[in-house]
N, C-alpha and C. Protein backbone atom coordinates (compact mmCIF):
# COMPACT_ATOMS: atom_id res chain seq x y z
N MET A 1 0.75 -1.40 -0.14
CA MET A 1 -0.15 0.16 0.11
C MET A 1 0.83 1.30 -0.06
N ASN A 2 0.62 2.38 -0.71
CA ASN A 2 1.03 3.68 -0.95
C ASN A 2 0.76 4.46 0.04
N ILE A 3 1.45 4.76 0.92
CA ILE A 3 1.03 6.19 2.47
C ILE A 3 1.96 7.16 1.61
N ASP A 4 0.85 8.08 1.63
CA ASP A 4 1.48 9.60 1.18
C ASP A 4 1.33 10.70 2.44
N GLN A 5 1.84 11.66 2.07
CA GLN A 5 2.33 12.62 3.01
C GLN A 5 0.66 12.92 3.81
N LEU A 6 -0.54 12.83 3.39
CA LEU A 6 -1.80 13.01 3.74
C LEU A 6 -2.13 11.97 5.03
N ASP A 7 -1.71 10.52 4.53
CA ASP A 7 -1.59 9.33 5.44
C ASP A 7 -0.95 9.63 6.63
N HIS A 8 0.41 10.23 6.58
CA HIS A 8 1.60 10.45 7.31
C HIS A 8 0.66 11.05 8.10
N ASP A 9 0.19 12.25 7.86
CA ASP A 9 -0.04 13.60 8.66
C ASP A 9 -1.26 13.39 9.26
N LEU A 10 -2.61 12.06 8.67
CA LEU A 10 -3.44 11.74 9.67
C LEU A 10 -3.60 11.04 10.62
N ILE A 11 -2.06 9.80 10.37
CA ILE A 11 -1.67 9.00 11.38
C ILE A 11 -1.03 9.70 12.59
N ALA A 12 -0.63 11.02 12.75
CA ALA A 12 0.16 11.33 13.54
C ALA A 12 -0.62 11.98 14.20
N LEU A 13 -1.83 12.91 13.75
CA LEU A 13 -2.55 13.37 14.42
C LEU A 13 -3.59 12.13 15.16
N LEU A 14 -3.57 11.17 14.77
CA LEU A 14 -4.57 9.89 15.92
C LEU A 14 -3.70 9.84 16.41
N ARG A 15 -2.54 9.54 16.37
CA ARG A 15 -1.51 9.32 17.55
C ARG A 15 -1.38 9.97 18.73
N GLN A 16 -1.77 11.55 18.27
CA GLN A 16 -1.71 12.56 19.45
C GLN A 16 -3.26 12.04 20.04
N ASP A 17 -4.29 12.02 19.30
CA ASP A 17 -5.75 11.98 19.67
C ASP A 17 -6.66 10.87 18.91
N ALA A 18 -6.52 9.51 19.49
CA ALA A 18 -7.12 9.04 18.47
C ALA A 18 -8.66 9.22 18.41
N ARG A 19 -9.33 9.72 19.28
CA ARG A 19 -10.53 9.77 19.41
C ARG A 19 -10.64 11.40 19.07
N ALA A 20 -9.84 11.66 18.33
CA ALA A 20 -10.54 13.08 17.49
C ALA A 20 -11.34 13.14 16.42
N ALA A 21 -12.47 14.36 16.64
CA ALA A 21 -13.35 13.91 15.45
C ALA A 21 -13.10 14.34 14.11
N VAL A 22 -13.89 13.41 13.44
CA VAL A 22 -13.35 13.85 12.12
C VAL A 22 -13.40 15.01 11.40
N ALA A 23 -14.32 15.84 12.04
CA ALA A 23 -14.12 17.32 11.34
C ALA A 23 -13.28 18.13 12.08
N THR A 24 -12.60 17.62 12.79
CA THR A 24 -11.55 18.44 13.84
C THR A 24 -10.08 17.69 12.67
N LEU A 25 -10.27 16.64 12.32
CA LEU A 25 -8.83 16.08 11.18
C LEU A 25 -9.30 16.39 10.14
N ALA A 26 -10.13 16.98 9.77
CA ALA A 26 -10.30 17.51 7.80
C ALA A 26 -9.79 18.73 8.10
N LYS A 27 -10.81 19.45 9.04
CA LYS A 27 -10.18 20.76 9.38
C LYS A 27 -8.43 21.39 9.34
N LYS A 28 -7.88 20.39 10.71
CA LYS A 28 -6.31 20.46 10.58
C LYS A 28 -5.60 19.96 9.42
N LEU A 29 -6.22 19.03 8.40
CA LEU A 29 -5.84 18.55 7.46
C LEU A 29 -6.22 19.13 5.94
N SER A 30 -6.96 20.21 6.15
CA SER A 30 -7.55 21.09 5.14
C SER A 30 -8.15 20.08 3.99
N VAL A 31 -8.66 19.32 4.54
CA VAL A 31 -9.30 18.49 3.28
C VAL A 31 -10.80 18.10 3.85
N SER A 32 -11.70 17.08 3.04
CA SER A 32 -13.10 17.10 3.26
C SER A 32 -13.13 16.04 4.46
N ARG A 33 -14.52 16.05 5.23
CA ARG A 33 -14.63 15.14 6.05
C ARG A 33 -14.39 13.44 4.95
N GLY A 34 -15.36 13.83 4.50
CA GLY A 34 -15.34 12.80 3.51
C GLY A 34 -13.53 11.33 3.25
N THR A 35 -12.87 12.60 2.81
CA THR A 35 -12.02 12.21 2.53
C THR A 35 -10.89 11.66 4.05
N ILE A 36 -10.90 12.19 4.97
CA ILE A 36 -10.56 11.43 6.31
C ILE A 36 -11.12 10.21 6.30
N VAL A 37 -12.52 9.97 6.28
CA VAL A 37 -13.32 8.96 6.20
C VAL A 37 -12.72 7.95 5.89
N ASN A 38 -12.45 8.43 4.18
CA ASN A 38 -12.22 7.44 3.31
C ASN A 38 -10.74 6.76 3.71
N ARG A 39 -9.91 7.28 3.86
CA ARG A 39 -8.20 7.60 4.66
C ARG A 39 -8.24 6.92 5.50
N MET A 40 -9.14 7.05 6.83
CA MET A 40 -8.85 6.15 7.75
C MET A 40 -9.54 4.64 7.77
N GLN A 41 -10.95 4.41 6.62
CA GLN A 41 -11.34 3.21 6.10
C GLN A 41 -9.88 2.32 5.22
N LYS A 42 -9.19 3.23 4.67
CA LYS A 42 -8.23 2.43 3.80
C LYS A 42 -7.34 1.76 4.55
N LEU A 43 -6.70 2.84 5.14
CA LEU A 43 -5.62 2.27 6.61
C LEU A 43 -5.90 1.30 7.15
N ALA A 44 -7.42 1.30 7.54
CA ALA A 44 -7.88 0.16 8.54
C ALA A 44 -7.92 -1.21 7.42
N ASP A 45 -8.45 -0.74 6.38
CA ASP A 45 -8.50 -2.38 5.47
C ASP A 45 -7.54 -2.78 5.03
N SER A 46 -6.31 -1.72 4.85
CA SER A 46 -4.96 -2.49 4.62
C SER A 46 -4.22 -2.85 5.78
N GLY A 47 -4.66 -2.96 6.93
CA GLY A 47 -3.96 -3.53 8.23
C GLY A 47 -2.90 -2.38 8.78
N VAL A 48 -3.00 -1.07 8.05
CA VAL A 48 -2.09 0.10 8.35
C VAL A 48 -2.51 0.27 10.03
N ILE A 49 -3.75 0.42 10.21
CA ILE A 49 -4.37 1.17 11.36
C ILE A 49 -5.12 -0.58 11.94
N VAL A 50 -4.38 -0.99 12.92
CA VAL A 50 -5.33 -2.18 13.51
C VAL A 50 -6.03 -1.99 14.98
N GLY A 51 -6.27 -0.67 15.39
CA GLY A 51 -7.06 -0.44 16.57
C GLY A 51 -6.47 0.80 17.21
N TYR A 52 -7.35 1.04 18.18
CA TYR A 52 -7.23 2.72 18.67
C TYR A 52 -7.34 1.84 19.99
N THR A 53 -6.18 2.78 21.22
CA THR A 53 -6.07 2.70 22.45
C THR A 53 -6.31 3.75 23.63
N VAL A 54 -6.04 3.40 24.63
CA VAL A 54 -6.35 4.25 25.78
C VAL A 54 -5.40 4.32 26.41
N LYS A 55 -4.65 6.11 26.34
CA LYS A 55 -3.29 5.93 27.32
C LYS A 55 -3.61 6.30 28.45
N LEU A 56 -3.29 5.72 30.08
CA LEU A 56 -3.76 6.49 31.16
C LEU A 56 -2.81 7.27 31.36
N LYS A 57 -3.09 8.33 32.37
CA LYS A 57 -2.36 9.12 32.85
C LYS A 57 -1.18 8.48 33.80
N PRO A 58 0.19 9.13 33.79
CA PRO A 58 1.21 7.92 34.68
C PRO A 58 0.89 8.25 36.15
N GLY A 59 1.12 7.29 36.60
CA GLY A 59 1.07 6.88 37.90
C GLY A 59 -0.81 6.44 38.39
N VAL A 60 -1.42 6.39 37.26
CA VAL A 60 -2.80 5.62 37.38
C VAL A 60 -2.60 4.16 37.18
N THR A 61 -3.26 3.32 37.96
CA THR A 61 -3.00 1.80 37.66
C THR A 61 -4.68 1.40 37.61
N MET A 62 -4.65 0.13 36.81
CA MET A 62 -6.36 -0.33 36.88
C MET A 62 -6.85 -0.73 38.22
N ASP A 63 -6.38 -0.48 39.57
CA ASP A 63 -6.74 -0.51 40.61
C ASP A 63 -7.33 0.62 40.77
N ASP A 64 -7.08 1.97 40.18
CA ASP A 64 -7.32 2.87 40.40
C ASP A 64 -8.66 3.04 39.69
N VAL A 65 -8.81 2.38 38.70
CA VAL A 65 -10.25 2.21 37.79
C VAL A 65 -11.19 1.98 38.00
N GLU A 66 -12.43 2.43 38.25
CA GLU A 66 -13.59 2.00 38.46
C GLU A 66 -14.32 1.56 37.30
N LEU A 67 -15.07 0.29 37.23
CA LEU A 67 -15.62 -0.38 35.86
C LEU A 67 -16.68 0.46 36.16
N ALA A 68 -17.60 0.95 34.95
CA ALA A 68 -18.86 1.23 35.45
C ALA A 68 -19.64 0.72 34.21
N VAL A 69 -20.66 -0.68 34.70
CA VAL A 69 -21.25 -1.39 33.36
C VAL A 69 -22.52 -1.35 33.40
């Protein structure tokens, strides 16, 4: 798969905040929301993006996190 500069920039933004809204990403990259959605899907379908994760604040352990189901 060819990854161009837009893909690199999108990945960089997602690494900073994987929960960023598509509209926010589109605005930061000066492209349409549809372009972002298509690029994210392409990156996922090709296995470049395999998931999203949560980072805990330093010092917080799983014992500090309450599960609300």
